[in-house]
PDB file of all heavy atoms in Angstrom:
ATOM      1  N   ALA A   1      41.359-149.004  -3.681  1.00  0.00           N
ATOM      2  CA  ALA A   1      42.107-149.205  -2.435  1.00  0.00           C
ATOM      3  C   ALA A   1      43.271-150.171  -2.646  1.00  0.00           C
ATOM      4  O   ALA A   1      44.391-149.940  -2.154  1.00  0.00           O
ATOM      5  CB  ALA A   1      41.182-149.726  -1.343  1.00  0.00           C
ATOM      6  N   ILE A   2      43.006-151.251  -3.376  1.00  0.00           N
ATOM      7  CA  ILE A   2      44.072-152.235  -3.630  1.00  0.00           C
ATOM      8  C   ILE A   2      45.173-151.627  -4.498  1.00  0.00           C
ATOM      9  O   ILE A   2      46.372-151.817  -4.250  1.00  0.00           O
ATOM     10  CB  ILE A   2      43.485-153.494  -4.289  1.00  0.00           C
ATOM     11  CG1 ILE A   2      42.556-154.218  -3.305  1.00  0.00           C
ATOM     12  CG2 ILE A   2      44.606-154.435  -4.751  1.00  0.00           C
ATOM     13  CD1 ILE A   2      41.805-155.390  -3.923  1.00  0.00           C
ATOM     14  N   GLY A   3      44.782-150.850  -5.532  1.00  0.00           N
ATOM     15  CA  GLY A   3      45.777-150.212  -6.387  1.00  0.00           C
ATOM     16  C   GLY A   3      46.637-149.225  -5.629  1.00  0.00           C
ATOM     17  O   GLY A   3      47.867-149.173  -5.800  1.00  0.00           O
ATOM     18  N   SER A   4      46.015-148.422  -4.772  1.00  0.00           N
ATOM     19  CA  SER A   4      46.776-147.470  -3.964  1.00  0.00           C
ATOM     20  C   SER A   4      47.742-148.198  -3.026  1.00  0.00           C
ATOM     21  O   SER A   4      48.882-147.764  -2.813  1.00  0.00           O
ATOM     22  CB  SER A   4      45.813-146.595  -3.144  1.00  0.00           C
ATOM     23  OG  SER A   4      44.952-145.863  -3.991  1.00  0.00           O
ATOM     24  N   SER A   5      47.285-149.311  -2.469  1.00  0.00           N
ATOM     25  CA  SER A   5      48.137-150.091  -1.562  1.00  0.00           C
ATOM     26  C   SER A   5      49.329-150.688  -2.293  1.00  0.00           C
ATOM     27  O   SER A   5      50.448-150.721  -1.772  1.00  0.00           O
ATOM     28  CB  SER A   5      47.322-151.199  -0.897  1.00  0.00           C
ATOM     29  OG  SER A   5      46.262-150.649  -0.136  1.00  0.00           O
ATOM     30  N   ALA A   6      49.089-151.184  -3.542  1.00  0.00           N
ATOM     31  CA  ALA A   6      50.185-151.749  -4.334  1.00  0.00           C
ATOM     32  C   ALA A   6      51.248-150.697  -4.617  1.00  0.00           C
ATOM     33  O   ALA A   6      52.463-150.952  -4.507  1.00  0.00           O
ATOM     34  CB  ALA A   6      49.642-152.326  -5.640  1.00  0.00           C
ATOM     35  N   PHE A   7      50.796-149.477  -4.977  1.00  0.00           N
ATOM     36  CA  PHE A   7      51.753-148.394  -5.229  1.00  0.00           C
ATOM     37  C   PHE A   7      52.549-148.063  -3.966  1.00  0.00           C
ATOM     38  O   PHE A   7      53.771-147.870  -4.015  1.00  0.00           O
ATOM     39  CB  PHE A   7      50.998-147.161  -5.726  1.00  0.00           C
ATOM     40  CG  PHE A   7      51.848-145.914  -5.762  1.00  0.00           C
ATOM     41  CD1 PHE A   7      52.806-145.744  -6.751  1.00  0.00           C
ATOM     42  CD2 PHE A   7      51.699-144.935  -4.788  1.00  0.00           C
ATOM     43  CE1 PHE A   7      53.604-144.610  -6.766  1.00  0.00           C
ATOM     44  CE2 PHE A   7      52.487-143.804  -4.813  1.00  0.00           C
ATOM     45  CZ  PHE A   7      53.444-143.634  -5.807  1.00  0.00           C
ATOM     46  N   ALA A   8      51.862-148.030  -2.825  1.00  0.00           N
ATOM     47  CA  ALA A   8      52.540-147.691  -1.569  1.00  0.00           C
ATOM     48  C   ALA A   8      53.593-148.740  -1.214  1.00  0.00           C
ATOM     49  O   ALA A   8      54.720-148.408  -0.830  1.00  0.00           O
ATOM     50  CB  ALA A   8      51.511-147.562  -0.449  1.00  0.00           C
ATOM     51  N   LEU A   9      53.224-150.024  -1.325  1.00  0.00           N
ATOM     52  CA  LEU A   9      54.177-151.086  -1.001  1.00  0.00           C
ATOM     53  C   LEU A   9      55.369-151.067  -1.942  1.00  0.00           C
ATOM     54  O   LEU A   9      56.515-151.276  -1.534  1.00  0.00           O
ATOM     55  CB  LEU A   9      53.482-152.450  -1.051  1.00  0.00           C
ATOM     56  CG  LEU A   9      52.536-152.775   0.106  1.00  0.00           C
ATOM     57  CD1 LEU A   9      51.869-154.125  -0.133  1.00  0.00           C
ATOM     58  CD2 LEU A   9      53.288-152.805   1.431  1.00  0.00           C
ATOM     59  N   TRP A  10      55.112-150.836  -3.212  1.00  0.00           N
ATOM     60  CA  TRP A  10      56.221-150.779  -4.177  1.00  0.00           C
ATOM     61  C   TRP A  10      57.170-149.631  -3.849  1.00  0.00           C
ATOM     62  O   TRP A  10      58.398-149.776  -3.908  1.00  0.00           O
ATOM     63  CB  TRP A  10      55.658-150.591  -5.585  1.00  0.00           C
ATOM     64  CG  TRP A  10      56.737-150.373  -6.617  1.00  0.00           C
ATOM     65  CD1 TRP A  10      57.482-151.306  -7.244  1.00  0.00           C
ATOM     66  CD2 TRP A  10      57.182-149.093  -7.112  1.00  0.00           C
ATOM     67  NE1 TRP A  10      58.383-150.709  -8.096  1.00  0.00           N
ATOM     68  CE2 TRP A  10      58.226-149.344  -8.034  1.00  0.00           C
ATOM     69  CE3 TRP A  10      56.803-147.771  -6.868  1.00  0.00           C
ATOM     70  CZ2 TRP A  10      58.881-148.326  -8.707  1.00  0.00           C
ATOM     71  CZ3 TRP A  10      57.453-146.764  -7.528  1.00  0.00           C
ATOM     72  CH2 TRP A  10      58.492-147.043  -8.447  1.00  0.00           C
ATOM     73  N   LEU A  11      56.605-148.487  -3.448  1.00  0.00           N
ATOM     74  CA  LEU A  11      57.419-147.315  -3.183  1.00  0.00           C
ATOM     75  C   LEU A  11      58.306-147.507  -1.946  1.00  0.00           C
ATOM     76  O   LEU A  11      59.499-147.186  -1.968  1.00  0.00           O
ATOM     77  CB  LEU A  11      56.517-146.091  -2.990  1.00  0.00           C
ATOM     78  CG  LEU A  11      57.235-144.740  -2.839  1.00  0.00           C
ATOM     79  CD1 LEU A  11      58.022-144.419  -4.102  1.00  0.00           C
ATOM     80  CD2 LEU A  11      56.228-143.636  -2.537  1.00  0.00           C
ATOM     81  N   VAL A  12      57.734-148.047  -0.866  1.00  0.00           N
ATOM     82  CA  VAL A  12      58.519-148.172   0.369  1.00  0.00           C
ATOM     83  C   VAL A  12      59.558-149.281   0.284  1.00  0.00           C
ATOM     84  O   VAL A  12      60.439-149.367   1.150  1.00  0.00           O
ATOM     85  CB  VAL A  12      57.604-148.430   1.594  1.00  0.00           C
ATOM     86  CG1 VAL A  12      56.632-147.296   1.778  1.00  0.00           C
ATOM     87  CG2 VAL A  12      56.885-149.756   1.485  1.00  0.00           C
ATOM     88  N   CYS A  13      59.470-150.144  -0.722  1.00  0.00           N
ATOM     89  CA  CYS A  13      60.438-151.234  -0.842  1.00  0.00           C
ATOM     90  C   CYS A  13      61.607-150.885  -1.754  1.00  0.00           C
ATOM     91  O   CYS A  13      62.454-151.739  -2.037  1.00  0.00           O
ATOM     92  CB  CYS A  13      59.748-152.501  -1.347  1.00  0.00           C
ATOM     93  SG  CYS A  13      58.578-153.155  -0.149  1.00  0.00           S
ATOM     94  N   GLN A  14      61.645-149.634  -2.238  1.00  0.00           N
ATOM     95  CA  GLN A  14      62.800-149.199  -3.016  1.00  0.00           C
ATOM     96  C   GLN A  14      64.003-148.996  -2.084  1.00  0.00           C
ATOM     97  O   GLN A  14      63.857-148.822  -0.875  1.00  0.00           O
ATOM     98  CB  GLN A  14      62.477-147.890  -3.756  1.00  0.00           C
ATOM     99  CG  GLN A  14      61.284-147.996  -4.694  1.00  0.00           C
ATOM    100  CD  GLN A  14      61.429-149.125  -5.701  1.00  0.00           C
ATOM    101  OE1 GLN A  14      62.398-149.182  -6.447  1.00  0.00           O
ATOM    102  NE2 GLN A  14      60.465-150.043  -5.707  1.00  0.00           N
ATOM    103  N   ARG A  15      65.202-149.048  -2.673  1.00  0.00           N
ATOM    104  CA  ARG A  15      66.409-148.925  -1.857  1.00  0.00           C
ATOM    105  C   ARG A  15      66.469-147.576  -1.148  1.00  0.00           C
ATOM    106  O   ARG A  15      66.833-147.500   0.031  1.00  0.00           O
ATOM    107  CB  ARG A  15      67.643-149.111  -2.738  1.00  0.00           C
ATOM    108  CG  ARG A  15      68.958-148.931  -1.995  1.00  0.00           C
ATOM    109  CD  ARG A  15      70.142-149.188  -2.901  1.00  0.00           C
ATOM    110  NE  ARG A  15      70.139-150.553  -3.409  1.00  0.00           N
ATOM    111  CZ  ARG A  15      71.038-151.040  -4.273  1.00  0.00           C
ATOM    112  NH1 ARG A  15      72.008-150.242  -4.715  1.00  0.00           N
ATOM    113  NH2 ARG A  15      70.960-152.284  -4.688  1.00  0.00           N
ATOM    114  N   ASP A  16      66.086-146.496  -1.850  1.00  0.00           N
ATOM    115  CA  ASP A  16      66.109-145.155  -1.270  1.00  0.00           C
ATOM    116  C   ASP A  16      64.753-144.495  -1.462  1.00  0.00           C
ATOM    117  O   ASP A  16      63.977-144.859  -2.360  1.00  0.00           O
ATOM    118  CB  ASP A  16      67.195-144.288  -1.928  1.00  0.00           C
ATOM    119  CG  ASP A  16      68.586-144.895  -1.762  1.00  0.00           C
ATOM    120  OD1 ASP A  16      68.935-145.233  -0.615  1.00  0.00           O
ATOM    121  OD2 ASP A  16      69.290-145.039  -2.779  1.00  0.00           O
ATOM    122  N   MET A  17      64.460-143.511  -0.611  1.00  0.00           N
ATOM    123  CA  MET A  17      63.237-142.731  -0.783  1.00  0.00           C
ATOM    124  C   MET A  17      63.579-141.248  -0.639  1.00  0.00           C
ATOM    125  O   MET A  17      63.494-140.684   0.460  1.00  0.00           O
ATOM    126  CB  MET A  17      62.159-143.131   0.230  1.00  0.00           C
ATOM    127  CG  MET A  17      60.825-142.405  -0.013  1.00  0.00           C
ATOM    128  SD  MET A  17      59.561-142.828   1.199  1.00  0.00           S
ATOM    129  CE  MET A  17      59.121-144.450   0.657  1.00  0.00           C
ATOM    130  N   PRO A  18      63.972-140.624  -1.749  1.00  0.00           N
ATOM    131  CA  PRO A  18      64.247-139.187  -1.704  1.00  0.00           C
ATOM    132  C   PRO A  18      62.982-138.406  -1.314  1.00  0.00           C
ATOM    133  O   PRO A  18      61.859-138.903  -1.419  1.00  0.00           O
ATOM    134  CB  PRO A  18      64.688-138.865  -3.144  1.00  0.00           C
ATOM    135  CG  PRO A  18      65.078-140.184  -3.731  1.00  0.00           C
ATOM    136  CD  PRO A  18      64.210-141.203  -3.072  1.00  0.00           C
ATOM    137  N   ARG A  19      63.191-137.183  -0.883  1.00  0.00           N
ATOM    138  CA  ARG A  19      62.061-136.363  -0.420  1.00  0.00           C
ATOM    139  C   ARG A  19      61.037-136.141  -1.526  1.00  0.00           C
ATOM    140  O   ARG A  19      59.815-136.183  -1.274  1.00  0.00           O
ATOM    141  CB  ARG A  19      62.589-135.019   0.076  1.00  0.00           C
ATOM    142  CG  ARG A  19      61.507-134.111   0.656  1.00  0.00           C
ATOM    143  CD  ARG A  19      62.115-132.869   1.260  1.00  0.00           C
ATOM    144  NE  ARG A  19      63.015-133.214   2.344  1.00  0.00           N
ATOM    145  CZ  ARG A  19      63.740-132.304   3.023  1.00  0.00           C
ATOM    146  NH1 ARG A  19      63.658-131.020   2.701  1.00  0.00           N
ATOM    147  NH2 ARG A  19      64.533-132.684   3.994  1.00  0.00           N
ATOM    148  N   LEU A  20      61.522-135.972  -2.759  1.00  0.00           N
ATOM    149  CA  LEU A  20      60.597-135.752  -3.873  1.00  0.00           C
ATOM    150  C   LEU A  20      59.714-136.974  -4.088  1.00  0.00           C
ATOM    151  O   LEU A  20      58.494-136.846  -4.313  1.00  0.00           O
ATOM    152  CB  LEU A  20      61.386-135.432  -5.151  1.00  0.00           C
ATOM    153  CG  LEU A  20      60.544-135.209  -6.423  1.00  0.00           C
ATOM    154  CD1 LEU A  20      59.603-134.022  -6.240  1.00  0.00           C
ATOM    155  CD2 LEU A  20      61.450-134.984  -7.634  1.00  0.00           C
ATOM    156  N   HIS A  21      60.316-138.168  -4.012  1.00  0.00           N
ATOM    157  CA  HIS A  21      59.524-139.389  -4.168  1.00  0.00           C
ATOM    158  C   HIS A  21      58.493-139.522  -3.056  1.00  0.00           C
ATOM    159  O   HIS A  21      57.367-139.974  -3.281  1.00  0.00           O
ATOM    160  CB  HIS A  21      60.444-140.608  -4.163  1.00  0.00           C
ATOM    161  CG  HIS A  21      61.278-140.730  -5.395  1.00  0.00           C
ATOM    162  ND1 HIS A  21      62.109-141.808  -5.649  1.00  0.00           N
ATOM    163  CD2 HIS A  21      61.440-139.900  -6.467  1.00  0.00           C
ATOM    164  CE1 HIS A  21      62.719-141.635  -6.797  1.00  0.00           C
ATOM    165  NE2 HIS A  21      62.343-140.474  -7.311  1.00  0.00           N
ATOM    166  N   LEU A  22      58.857-139.119  -1.843  1.00  0.00           N
ATOM    167  CA  LEU A  22      57.928-139.197  -0.722  1.00  0.00           C
ATOM    168  C   LEU A  22      56.744-138.265  -0.934  1.00  0.00           C
ATOM    169  O   LEU A  22      55.579-138.646  -0.697  1.00  0.00           O
ATOM    170  CB  LEU A  22      58.661-138.849   0.572  1.00  0.00           C
ATOM    171  CG  LEU A  22      57.816-138.841   1.857  1.00  0.00           C
ATOM    172  CD1 LEU A  22      57.238-140.224   2.121  1.00  0.00           C
ATOM    173  CD2 LEU A  22      58.640-138.380   3.048  1.00  0.00           C
ATOM    174  N   VAL A  23      57.013-137.046  -1.415  1.00  0.00           N
ATOM    175  CA  VAL A  23      55.933-136.073  -1.634  1.00  0.00           C
ATOM    176  C   VAL A  23      54.997-136.549  -2.742  1.00  0.00           C
ATOM    177  O   VAL A  23      53.756-136.535  -2.592  1.00  0.00           O
ATOM    178  CB  VAL A  23      56.533-134.692  -1.978  1.00  0.00           C
ATOM    179  CG1 VAL A  23      55.426-133.728  -2.413  1.00  0.00           C
ATOM    180  CG2 VAL A  23      57.282-134.132  -0.780  1.00  0.00           C
ATOM    181  N   LEU A  24      55.581-136.984  -3.870  1.00  0.00           N
ATOM    182  CA  LEU A  24      54.738-137.469  -4.978  1.00  0.00           C
ATOM    183  C   LEU A  24      53.955-138.707  -4.560  1.00  0.00           C
ATOM    184  O   LEU A  24      52.778-138.858  -4.906  1.00  0.00           O
ATOM    185  CB  LEU A  24      55.621-137.781  -6.189  1.00  0.00           C
ATOM    186  CG  LEU A  24      56.288-136.567  -6.863  1.00  0.00           C
ATOM    187  CD1 LEU A  24      57.207-137.036  -7.991  1.00  0.00           C
ATOM    188  CD2 LEU A  24      55.230-135.609  -7.411  1.00  0.00           C
TER     189      LEU A  24
END
């Protein structure tokens, strides 16, 4: 759960979130 949360927080804090990144 903690690992999944770390990945999620890292992803949403990027400058952009293309659709492909959102799906993956």
